[in-house]
Amino acid sequence: MSTLPVADARSQLSKLIDEARDDWIDIGHAMGLVHIAEGGTDQLALFRRAGALVVSLVRAGRLSPGEIGKAPGEFVPWPVAPAAAAQALEEYLDEVLSGAKPVEPWQPCLFAVTGHNDGLPDGRR
């Protein structure tokens, strides 16, 4: 995760959860939130910081990675446990950061708030 003070990191996590409650988000959306909060124009640096935030929320079971389903408004979560999903996301982030893959919208997935999401990983909002 970024080297932000704990309060700032919690604020960013909270904003990501709030945004994902309104509609599904992708890493690009998270990059925009990080840019607003922290500034900066380096796309890979924003990607790295946003990716770390998203991974922490997936690992904690607060965000669920998945795809758009066939029915209107359907979100299909990845059929894996949060730890496995977080690991897959970290591998994707590493590929992008190494230059093996480009930063693309909606890749590697979308994120939705899980049904049991009451706040941040430590239980606070």
Protein backbone atom coordinates (compact mmCIF):
# COMPACT_ATOMS: atom_id res chain seq x y z
CA MET A 1 0.00 0.00 0.00
CA SER A 2 1.08 3.60 -0.31
CA THR A 3 3.10 5.34 2.37
CA LEU A 4 0.22 7.61 3.37
CA PRO A 5 -0.57 8.27 7.00
CA VAL A 6 -3.07 5.71 8.34
CA ALA A 7 -5.94 8.25 8.45
CA ASP A 8 -5.41 9.17 4.77
CA ALA A 9 -5.23 5.52 3.70
CA ARG A 10 -8.46 4.80 5.60
CA SER A 11 -10.10 7.77 3.92
CA GLN A 12 -9.14 6.43 0.49
CA LEU A 13 -10.41 2.95 1.39
CA SER A 14 -13.68 4.46 2.56
CA LYS A 15 -14.05 6.49 -0.64
CA LEU A 16 -13.43 3.39 -2.78
CA ILE A 17 -16.11 1.47 -0.87
CA ASP A 18 -18.56 4.36 -1.21
CA GLU A 19 -17.93 4.63 -4.95
CA ALA A 20 -18.35 0.87 -5.41
CA ARG A 21 -21.65 1.00 -3.52
CA ASP A 22 -23.01 3.41 -6.15
CA ASP A 23 -21.80 1.40 -9.15
CA TRP A 24 -19.12 -1.10 -10.05
CA ILE A 25 -15.65 0.35 -10.33
CA ASP A 26 -12.45 -0.65 -12.08
CA ILE A 27 -8.84 0.09 -11.23
CA GLY A 28 -9.01 3.18 -13.45
CA HIS A 29 -11.75 4.59 -11.23
CA ALA A 30 -9.59 3.87 -8.19
CA MET A 31 -6.68 5.64 -9.94
CA GLY A 32 -8.86 8.72 -10.31
CA LEU A 33 -9.68 8.72 -6.60
CA VAL A 34 -6.00 8.35 -5.71
CA HIS A 35 -5.14 11.21 -8.08
CA ILE A 36 -7.72 13.47 -6.40
CA ALA A 37 -6.48 12.55 -2.91
CA GLU A 38 -2.74 12.47 -3.51
CA GLY A 39 -2.11 14.28 -6.78
CA GLY A 40 0.51 13.21 -9.27
CA THR A 41 0.42 12.52 -12.98
CA ASP A 42 2.56 9.39 -13.34
CA GLN A 43 0.05 6.78 -14.54
CA LEU A 44 2.07 3.80 -13.31
CA ALA A 45 2.54 5.38 -9.87
CA LEU A 46 -1.22 6.04 -9.65
CA PHE A 47 -1.88 2.48 -10.87
CA ARG A 48 0.47 1.07 -8.23
CA ARG A 49 -1.17 3.02 -5.38
CA ALA A 50 -4.74 2.37 -6.57
CA GLY A 51 -4.00 -1.30 -7.15
CA ALA A 52 -2.66 -1.71 -3.62
CA LEU A 53 -5.82 -0.13 -2.18
CA VAL A 54 -8.12 -2.33 -4.27
CA VAL A 55 -6.14 -5.48 -3.42
CA SER A 56 -6.38 -4.70 0.30
CA LEU A 57 -10.17 -4.36 0.03
CA VAL A 58 -10.47 -7.59 -1.98
CA ARG A 59 -8.26 -9.48 0.47
CA ALA A 60 -10.42 -8.19 3.36
CA GLY A 61 -13.57 -9.35 1.57
CA ARG A 62 -14.92 -5.80 1.19
CA LEU A 63 -14.76 -5.66 -2.61
CA SER A 64 -15.53 -8.55 -4.89
CA PRO A 65 -13.82 -8.81 -8.29
CA GLY A 66 -15.99 -10.02 -11.14
CA GLU A 67 -17.48 -9.49 -14.57
CA ILE A 68 -20.67 -8.13 -16.07
CA GLY A 69 -23.23 -10.91 -16.34
CA LYS A 70 -25.65 -11.61 -19.16
CA ALA A 71 -28.78 -10.34 -17.40
CA PRO A 72 -29.28 -6.57 -17.04
CA GLY A 73 -27.49 -5.32 -13.93
CA GLU A 74 -25.96 -8.72 -13.20
CA PHE A 75 -22.52 -8.86 -11.61
CA VAL A 76 -20.79 -12.25 -11.60
CA PRO A 77 -18.11 -12.47 -8.87
CA TRP A 78 -14.98 -14.49 -9.44
CA PRO A 79 -15.56 -17.97 -8.00
CA VAL A 80 -12.55 -17.85 -5.68
CA ALA A 81 -11.88 -16.90 -2.07
CA PRO A 82 -10.79 -13.32 -1.31
CA ALA A 83 -7.17 -14.34 -0.69
CA ALA A 84 -6.94 -16.10 -4.06
CA ALA A 85 -8.61 -13.17 -5.82
CA ALA A 86 -6.17 -10.74 -4.18
CA GLN A 87 -3.24 -12.92 -5.29
CA ALA A 88 -4.52 -12.98 -8.89
CA LEU A 89 -4.91 -9.20 -8.81
CA GLU A 90 -1.38 -8.75 -7.46
CA GLU A 91 -0.04 -10.89 -10.31
CA TYR A 92 -1.95 -8.74 -12.82
CA LEU A 93 -0.63 -5.55 -11.20
CA ASP A 94 2.93 -6.90 -11.41
CA GLU A 95 2.47 -7.66 -15.14
CA VAL A 96 1.27 -4.12 -15.83
CA LEU A 97 3.98 -2.52 -13.71
CA SER A 98 6.65 -4.58 -15.47
CA GLY A 99 5.38 -3.41 -18.86
CA ALA A 100 4.12 -6.83 -19.95
CA LYS A 101 0.52 -5.57 -20.12
CA PRO A 102 -0.95 -2.11 -20.70
CA VAL A 103 -3.27 -0.27 -18.32
CA GLU A 104 -6.70 -0.83 -19.87
CA PRO A 105 -10.23 0.11 -18.78
CA TRP A 106 -12.19 -2.63 -17.01
CA GLN A 107 -9.12 -4.85 -16.75
CA PRO A 108 -8.61 -7.29 -15.19
CA CYS A 109 -12.16 -7.02 -13.86
CA LEU A 110 -14.75 -4.82 -12.22
CA PHE A 111 -15.26 -4.52 -8.46
CA ALA A 112 -18.49 -4.52 -6.49
CA VAL A 113 -19.15 -4.09 -2.81
CA THR A 114 -19.71 -7.44 -1.18
CA GLY A 115 -23.01 -8.13 0.55
CA HIS A 116 -21.45 -8.15 4.01
CA ASN A 117 -19.55 -4.89 3.64
CA ASP A 118 -20.03 -2.66 6.65
CA GLY A 119 -16.91 -0.56 6.30
CA LEU A 120 -13.17 -0.80 6.28
CA PRO A 121 -11.15 -3.98 6.81
CA ASP A 122 -10.75 -3.19 10.50
CA GLY A 123 -14.54 -2.77 10.88
CA ARG A 124 -14.53 1.04 10.97
CA ARG A 125 -16.15 3.32 8.40
